[in-house]
Amino acid sequence: MTDSTPPGPPRGRLLVVSNRLPFSVQRSPSGEVELVPSSGGLVSALVGYLESRKAEQPELEFIWAGWAGAELSAEETESLRKTAVERQGGYPLRLAGADMDSFYHGFCNGTLWPLFHYFPSYASYQEEEWETYRRVNQQFCDELLELARPGDEIWVHDYQLLLLPALLRQRLPEASIGFFLHIPFPSFEVFRQLPTKWRRELLEGVLGADLMGFHTHDYSQHFLHSVFRTLGYEHYLGRINVDGVVKAVETFPIGIDFERFWRASSSQEVVDVRARMASGLGGRRVIFSVDRLDYSKGILHRLRGFEAFLSSFPEYAGQVTFVLLVVPSREEVSAYQRMKQELDELVGQINGRYGSVDWVPIVYQYRSVPFQELVALYGLADVALITPLRDGMNLVAKEYIASKPEGDGVLILSDMAGAARELGEALQINPNHTREIAEAIQQALTMPASEQLPRMRAMQGRVRSYDATRWVDTFLAALRRTKERQGRLATLHLGGKPLAEVLERHHRAAQRTLLLDYDGTLVPLAGTPGEAVPDAELLALLKGLQTPSQKVVVISGRDHRSLGDWFRDVPIRLVAEHGAWQRDEHGEWSMPKPLPDHWKKQLGPLLQSYVERVPGSSLEEKDYALVWHYRLAIDQELALERAKELTDDVVSYTANLDVQVLEGKKAIEVRNSGVNKGVAGNASLANNPDFVFAAGDDATDEDLFRALPREAVTVCVGGSHSYATYRLSGHRELRAVLRCMLP
């Protein structure tokens, strides 16, 4: 759980974007447009927050953009926007109804919903549904571009809009964009069942946000793992460097409006309803569950668990009633119709088998209930039975806890629900195991009040402290921290005013030295060592930069033969193998000091064994270094683990050898001690230049940055954590800067 001091008010407006608004449009028989409140976890979490913040600071602007549930004409949309803005700041987007129906019932709930909830056999992979999903996300983007203003904070929600953050980023590059997923993010082994192109585009879509939020640590880790396996981006403590911009992935378990349930449970209206219900149930012990009709909720499993309870503990016959409330959902979908039929039949079978003339084991209702009736049922329940097969969070568990001011009651909770990570005092069960459910019911019914109270109080304290308001505040605070961190890094970007100042120093200097790394700095990183041959543009640029008053030094880890061949006709200094070899402007190679290479025979077989263990990796042998490359490894996760093992193996193996191990970008290099770019760089400053410029992209260049005088201009190319003073996004930006230094 991520936490922080609550932030101040939004710096601009807060634009909440979700598939549906907190209300829906319905047409009366006369054709008039009516607004009907919506339900759901996001609505319940955000509406209370927005209302409370608006009451505290009326000048704050909140706009909730989404679909209103019906296709509207342009005139109706404009009229509704004026009316709806007064209701939670609602802003209906004008979207095609036919597209929205196909979008929602197609890729959203025919592919993403089952796959993300670990029901891959239910998922379909229809190209036309994917194209509709892409088209609707683009429609959301187009509509939002008309609404968004500079300074707005845009918060995109849930699986229906996974592509939207990147679409917005393309058009609003400076925008502050957050994304939150309200369902589980599955493990990579499940996520990879999506076609490669789709999963890449979905992940790139989410990475358009500055901050990505998930309910649990597991979901965050699954997302990061999928990003690494699919896109190759590694992370450091949840921070991902995407094209020079550091994005954040954090955990924010959603809360509820705790005080609303707490206060309502003691209201006279709820007390009266609860008393009437208790009388109608004959004073029996009550087990209660409420869920939307969905295969992920485990409703049939809990019914079978209750049946096993009645069979295993017959002494409870006539003593316990299971109140099962199922909220209608997706009634037009055939799979849900079949589930409803199976549910009806199972309830009938259990009641017929175990019931009697004066006792019905299961009171089953298929309907929505008003808020007061729901709170009354929570208060009446001795046991809440909540057994989803997979759930992003499950706010029903938290609502039950908040509706028990006396501290009585027992929560039975599936360990597959996100809420289980917070509610450790609940009786947690595996919803797939009927016997576990039955035994948990018996344990709950026999739990003494002395045990119920401390369990309930502990959970209440946690749910109350991290409520819906805290959830929103914490997310927005993290989003602002992320943007501030990006801003600090952006101020180090070598462009605009900083570049003008550097160039002015350059032009004033009498003697200048440019120290330039090669791979990843002057040219893009290549799959194999032999692929990154310098292009004609680079050769001409380096030739032009070399003058009597300006020395150019390419200082690289590459072998001296490759560098010598590539730059045969370019009269610049070359430093190869991090300083083991040096070439002057006239093409003469030399070694600053003699180096041993006998250790290569000892370590070569060890590194070769890792080539054999990691398909796609390779071993490069230089005169005074060995490099294990894994950029082209087929399984990057395996390669990363093996890289750690190899580093440990080499360090322990070379304890008595005068060599060192260096981790580069997708490479582990073993070389002689005392040979590094810092030593070589300082040796290149023998002419005492009054302007020094150094650029590099990986850990080997950090030696150089640290060793240079403080007044040197140091530039990290494409990285995020560096000793360098400035940053550039890639080799093209660096070449543009170097062109400004041409005479």
Foldseek 3Di string as FASTA:
>chain_A
DFADDFDDAQQAAEEEEEAEDQWAWDADPVRDTDTGGDDDDVSQLVQVLLVVVCVVPVVHHYAYEHARHDADDPVVQVVVQVVCCVPSHYRHQHDDPVLSVLQCVPCVVQAVVCLQLVNRVSHDADPVNLVSLVVVLVSVLVRVVVVDDPRYAYEYEADSNLQNLQSNCVVVVLHAYEYEHFFAGDALVSLVVHPLVVSVNSLSSNVSHQEYEAADPVRLVRSQVNCCQRVVWHDDQQWTQDLNATGGYDYFRAAGPLVVLLVLLPDPLLVVLLVVVCVVQVVAAEEEEEEEQDLQFLPVLLLLLVLVLCVVCVVCQVRYAYEYEYEYDPCVDVVSVVVVVVVVVSLVVSQVVRNDPVDGRYRYDYHDDDPSNLLSSLQRHQEYEGAGQAGRADHVQVSSLSSHPVQGHAYEYEPRHSNCVLLVLHNYDHSVDSPSSSVSVVCSVPPDSVSSRVSSVSSNVRSVVSHSNSSVSRSVVVSVVSSVLSVVQVVQACDDPNVVVQLVLLVPWQAEEEEEEQDFAQFDHDLDPVPGQDDPVSLVLQLLLDDPRYAYEHFYLAAPVSVCVRNVPRQHKYAYNQQQWIAHSVSDIDGPDDDDAPCCVVCVVVLVVVCVVFDQWDWDDHPFKIKIACSRTPRVVVLVVVVVVSQVVVCVVCVPPQWHWDDWDRMIMIGGPPRANLVVVVVVCPVVTPEYEYEDEIDRCLSNLVNDDPPYQYEHECDDDGSGSHYHSTNVVVSVSSVSSRD
